[in-house]
């Protein structure tokens, strides 16, 4: 399946903290930047941290399979091996998860591995994976 990359802009309270998080912890690469914003290659997608401290806040949550999922979040669907490697790297870095890595919807259509955590500005990020990518939109 070939898809077009998405573009997402989000607020940050500190560009250097965002750089450390997205480059060093998540392994993104940096694209263009200014004193007010920075582009990151987020698994082939373009995300942009804009310096806007007044816009940084924790999202409201919604119940999903017993978890309080942040209503505003973004992330990437990885393959299962990549997901486990990232979960291990985040645990080793002592990342504070808002939803610990686990399997959601066990035995149901759409069964998935998921984890949620916040970037330094409170933006919620989810990484998920499926044993079979055709389950991504399963009902």
Protein backbone atom coordinates (compact mmCIF):
# COMPACT_ATOMS: atom_id res chain seq x y z
CA UNK A 1 0.00 0.00 0.00
CA UNK A 2 1.48 3.32 -1.06
CA UNK A 3 0.17 6.43 0.67
CA UNK A 4 0.90 10.13 0.46
CA UNK A 5 2.72 11.61 3.44
CA UNK A 6 0.61 13.73 5.75
CA UNK A 7 1.54 17.15 7.13
CA UNK A 8 0.77 18.08 10.73
CA UNK A 9 1.62 21.28 12.60
CA UNK A 10 1.47 21.45 16.39
CA UNK A 11 2.47 23.87 19.16
CA UNK A 12 5.61 23.68 21.24
CA UNK A 13 6.77 25.68 24.22
CA UNK A 14 10.46 25.16 23.37
CA UNK A 15 11.99 24.29 19.98
CA UNK A 16 15.16 22.84 21.54
CA UNK A 17 13.14 20.53 23.79
CA UNK A 18 11.16 19.43 20.73
CA UNK A 19 14.39 18.79 18.82
CA UNK A 20 15.78 16.67 21.64
CA UNK A 21 12.57 14.65 21.85
CA UNK A 22 11.86 14.10 18.15
CA UNK A 23 15.47 13.76 16.99
CA UNK A 24 17.17 12.00 19.89
CA UNK A 25 14.37 9.90 21.39
CA UNK A 26 12.17 9.13 18.38
CA UNK A 27 14.92 9.12 15.74
CA UNK A 28 13.34 11.68 13.40
CA UNK A 29 15.49 13.87 11.16
CA UNK A 30 15.27 17.63 10.95
CA UNK A 31 14.20 19.46 7.83
CA UNK A 32 13.81 23.19 7.36
CA UNK A 33 13.68 25.43 10.42
CA UNK A 34 13.55 29.01 11.61
CA UNK A 35 13.57 30.71 15.01
CA UNK A 36 9.81 30.01 15.22
CA UNK A 37 9.33 26.49 13.81
CA UNK A 38 11.11 23.27 12.86
CA UNK A 39 10.17 20.50 10.40
CA UNK A 40 10.72 16.84 11.29
CA UNK A 41 10.65 13.74 9.10
CA UNK A 42 8.31 11.62 11.23
CA UNK A 43 8.49 8.17 9.63
CA UNK A 44 8.13 9.70 6.17
CA UNK A 45 5.56 12.30 7.19
CA UNK A 46 6.14 16.00 7.70
CA UNK A 47 5.39 17.33 11.16
CA UNK A 48 6.15 20.90 12.20
CA UNK A 49 6.65 22.18 15.73
CA UNK A 50 5.58 25.84 15.90
CA UNK A 51 6.74 27.95 18.83
CA UNK A 52 3.41 28.80 20.49
CA UNK A 53 3.65 28.19 24.24
CA UNK A 54 0.18 29.65 24.86
CA UNK A 55 -1.33 26.86 22.69
CA UNK A 56 0.24 23.98 24.66
CA UNK A 57 -2.24 22.07 26.81
CA UNK A 58 -3.24 18.52 27.60
CA UNK A 59 -6.09 17.15 25.49
CA UNK A 60 -9.35 15.92 26.94
CA UNK A 61 -9.68 12.14 27.01
CA UNK A 62 -12.18 9.61 25.74
CA UNK A 63 -12.71 6.02 26.90
CA UNK A 64 -11.41 3.48 24.39
CA UNK A 65 -11.36 -0.16 25.49
CA UNK A 66 -10.88 0.88 29.11
CA UNK A 67 -8.14 3.46 28.45
CA UNK A 68 -8.41 7.25 28.74
CA UNK A 69 -7.21 8.10 25.23
CA UNK A 70 -6.32 11.75 24.53
CA UNK A 71 -8.86 13.03 22.01
CA UNK A 72 -6.16 15.08 20.24
CA UNK A 73 -3.22 12.92 19.32
CA UNK A 74 -1.17 11.85 16.33
CA UNK A 75 1.17 9.01 15.59
CA UNK A 76 2.27 6.29 13.23
CA UNK A 77 1.23 2.72 12.52
CA UNK A 78 4.37 0.58 12.59
CA UNK A 79 4.91 -3.08 11.90
CA UNK A 80 4.94 -5.21 15.04
CA UNK A 81 8.73 -5.61 15.17
CA UNK A 82 9.27 -1.84 14.88
CA UNK A 83 6.62 -1.24 17.56
CA UNK A 84 8.32 -3.60 20.03
CA UNK A 85 11.73 -2.04 19.32
CA UNK A 86 10.35 1.46 19.91
CA UNK A 87 8.53 0.37 23.08
CA UNK A 88 11.77 -1.13 24.41
CA UNK A 89 13.74 2.03 23.53
CA UNK A 90 11.15 4.26 25.21
CA UNK A 91 11.08 2.09 28.34
CA UNK A 92 14.89 2.14 28.50
CA UNK A 93 14.77 5.95 28.25
CA UNK A 94 12.34 5.96 31.21
CA UNK A 95 9.56 7.52 29.12
CA UNK A 96 6.46 8.31 31.14
CA UNK A 97 3.60 6.64 29.29
CA UNK A 98 0.07 7.94 29.61
CA UNK A 99 -1.04 4.54 28.28
CA UNK A 100 1.54 1.78 28.72
CA UNK A 101 2.43 -0.42 25.72
CA UNK A 102 -0.17 -3.18 25.47
CA UNK A 103 -2.55 -5.02 23.12
CA UNK A 104 -5.97 -3.42 22.68
CA UNK A 105 -9.14 -5.13 21.37
CA UNK A 106 -7.69 -8.61 22.04
CA UNK A 107 -9.37 -11.26 19.91
CA UNK A 108 -11.51 -8.69 18.10
CA UNK A 109 -11.28 -7.17 14.62
CA UNK A 110 -8.72 -4.40 14.82
CA UNK A 111 -6.62 -6.03 17.56
CA UNK A 112 -3.59 -3.78 17.89
CA UNK A 113 -0.52 -2.97 19.91
CA UNK A 114 -0.68 0.59 21.23
CA UNK A 115 1.13 3.04 23.48
CA UNK A 116 0.65 6.72 24.27
CA UNK A 117 3.03 9.31 25.68
CA UNK A 118 3.47 13.09 25.61
CA UNK A 119 6.11 15.20 23.95
CA UNK A 120 7.72 17.94 26.10
CA UNK A 121 4.92 20.39 25.20
CA UNK A 122 2.08 18.02 26.12
CA UNK A 123 1.22 16.84 22.60
CA UNK A 124 -0.10 13.28 22.80
CA UNK A 125 1.49 10.71 20.50
CA UNK A 126 0.29 7.18 19.79
CA UNK A 127 2.25 4.43 18.14
CA UNK A 128 0.32 1.34 17.13
CA UNK A 129 0.94 -1.86 15.21
CA UNK A 130 -1.04 -4.76 13.80
CA UNK A 131 -0.01 -8.36 13.24
CA UNK A 132 -1.73 -8.04 9.89
CA UNK A 133 -1.88 -4.55 8.37
CA UNK A 134 -5.19 -5.43 6.67
CA UNK A 135 -6.70 -5.18 10.18
CA UNK A 136 -6.10 -1.41 10.22
CA UNK A 137 -9.69 -0.63 9.15
CA UNK A 138 -11.33 -3.90 10.25
CA UNK A 139 -14.87 -3.60 11.63
